[in-house]
Protein backbone atom coordinates (compact mmCIF):
# COMPACT_ATOMS: atom_id res chain seq x y z
CA UNK A 1 36.78 12.20 2.77
CA UNK A 2 35.74 11.98 -0.92
CA UNK A 3 32.46 12.99 -1.66
CA UNK A 4 30.47 12.22 -4.86
CA UNK A 5 29.50 15.53 -6.90
CA UNK A 6 25.48 14.71 -5.69
CA UNK A 7 24.01 12.90 -2.94
CA UNK A 8 23.98 9.58 -3.70
CA UNK A 9 20.72 7.90 -1.78
CA UNK A 10 18.86 4.81 -2.43
CA UNK A 11 15.43 3.86 -1.26
CA UNK A 12 14.84 0.08 -1.26
CA UNK A 13 11.71 -1.96 0.67
CA UNK A 14 10.78 -5.28 1.83
CA UNK A 15 7.71 -6.49 3.04
CA UNK A 16 5.04 -9.72 3.21
CA UNK A 17 1.30 -9.92 2.30
CA UNK A 18 -1.02 -12.90 3.31
CA UNK A 19 -4.42 -14.46 2.69
CA UNK A 20 -6.34 -16.42 5.67
CA UNK A 21 -9.54 -18.12 5.56
CA UNK A 22 -11.85 -17.51 8.78
CA UNK A 23 -14.87 -19.25 9.65
CA UNK A 24 -18.30 -18.33 8.06
CA UNK A 25 -16.79 -18.08 5.10
CA UNK A 26 -14.70 -15.01 5.92
CA UNK A 27 -11.03 -14.19 4.10
CA UNK A 28 -8.56 -11.64 5.91
CA UNK A 29 -5.62 -10.22 3.72
CA UNK A 30 -2.91 -8.20 4.96
CA UNK A 31 -0.18 -6.11 3.07
CA UNK A 32 2.87 -5.29 5.04
CA UNK A 33 5.93 -2.90 3.75
CA UNK A 34 8.61 -1.23 4.89
CA UNK A 35 9.95 1.22 2.76
CA UNK A 36 13.33 3.05 3.32
CA UNK A 37 15.24 5.43 2.42
CA UNK A 38 19.49 5.58 3.05
CA UNK A 39 22.39 7.22 2.14
CA UNK A 40 21.66 10.52 2.09
CA UNK A 41 24.14 13.20 3.78
CA UNK A 42 20.87 14.89 5.35
CA UNK A 43 19.15 12.69 8.39
CA UNK A 44 15.64 14.07 7.64
CA UNK A 45 16.23 12.09 4.40
CA UNK A 46 16.53 8.64 5.72
CA UNK A 47 13.71 7.40 7.18
CA UNK A 48 11.74 4.16 7.40
CA UNK A 49 7.77 3.62 6.61
CA UNK A 50 5.99 1.03 7.78
CA UNK A 51 2.64 0.56 5.55
CA UNK A 52 0.21 -1.76 6.56
CA UNK A 53 -3.34 -2.59 4.38
CA UNK A 54 -5.87 -5.40 5.36
CA UNK A 55 -9.33 -6.11 4.18
CA UNK A 56 -11.96 -8.56 5.39
CA UNK A 57 -13.90 -10.36 2.42
CA UNK A 58 -17.34 -12.23 2.91
CA UNK A 59 -18.96 -14.03 -0.15
CA UNK A 60 -22.60 -14.73 -0.10
CA UNK A 61 -25.34 -16.80 -2.28
CA UNK A 62 -22.86 -18.74 -3.93
CA UNK A 63 -20.04 -16.32 -4.61
CA UNK A 64 -22.17 -14.26 -6.85
CA UNK A 65 -22.12 -11.40 -4.09
CA UNK A 66 -18.62 -10.25 -2.32
CA UNK A 67 -18.76 -7.55 0.06
CA UNK A 68 -15.03 -6.58 0.87
CA UNK A 69 -13.98 -3.77 3.88
CA UNK A 70 -10.48 -2.69 2.77
CA UNK A 71 -8.64 -0.75 5.44
CA UNK A 72 -5.85 1.52 4.11
CA UNK A 73 -2.53 2.83 5.92
CA UNK A 74 -3.60 1.39 9.34
CA UNK A 75 -0.77 2.53 10.70
CA UNK A 76 -0.95 6.49 9.59
CA UNK A 77 2.76 6.20 8.23
CA UNK A 78 1.59 7.77 4.62
CA UNK A 79 2.89 11.60 4.30
CA UNK A 80 2.18 13.56 1.34
CA UNK A 81 5.52 15.34 1.50
CA UNK A 82 8.54 13.62 -1.21
CA UNK A 83 11.98 14.62 -1.71
CA UNK A 84 14.01 14.44 -4.51
CA UNK A 85 18.05 15.31 -5.26
CA UNK A 86 19.38 15.72 -8.26
CA UNK A 87 22.83 17.26 -9.49
CA UNK A 88 20.85 20.89 -9.35
CA UNK A 89 19.90 20.57 -5.52
CA UNK A 90 17.01 19.62 -3.34
CA UNK A 91 13.12 19.32 -4.46
CA UNK A 92 10.44 19.00 -1.83
CA UNK A 93 6.76 18.16 -3.58
CA UNK A 94 3.60 18.03 -1.56
CA UNK A 95 0.51 16.10 -3.08
CA UNK A 96 -2.91 15.86 -1.60
CA UNK A 97 -3.01 12.47 -0.58
CA UNK A 98 -5.70 10.58 1.77
CA UNK A 99 -3.79 9.28 4.68
CA UNK A 100 -5.55 6.48 6.54
CA UNK A 101 -9.08 5.29 5.45
CA UNK A 102 -11.57 2.18 5.03
CA UNK A 103 -13.51 1.37 2.07
CA UNK A 104 -16.44 -0.89 1.74
CA UNK A 105 -17.46 -2.29 -1.78
CA UNK A 106 -19.99 -4.72 -2.44
CA UNK A 107 -19.90 -6.12 -5.64
CA UNK A 108 -22.06 -8.94 -7.81
CA UNK A 109 -21.22 -11.26 -10.30
CA UNK A 110 -23.35 -12.38 -12.96
CA UNK A 111 -23.41 -15.39 -15.81
CA UNK A 112 -25.03 -16.58 -17.91
CA UNK A 113 -24.87 -20.20 -19.53
CA UNK A 114 -24.95 -20.56 -23.32
CA UNK A 115 -28.33 -21.31 -24.76
CA UNK A 116 -28.57 -25.15 -25.91
CA UNK A 117 -28.97 -25.60 -29.54
């Protein structure tokens, strides 16, 4: 069987994101993405990873204050090891990354009305 001079692999992803209004002026946002790697001779490089992020948002005091709780990588699929293949060979790269975490933010929006002349 003929093979190209270097391994031919491809990456693709698909998913969805959505927003849903809940009672008490709460908003739920979600993002679900499947990342796939295919076409490599080594089975270790052919994988699927499902990433899920979600956020809960509350606006108070006529929208001037916004409180948001966001969760990243809820399924624990983030990996800090990346593979790359080119004509020279295979490279493994390790990076420092935060895997699963939550972030709470509080924002204040202010505005001034122009002075009347």
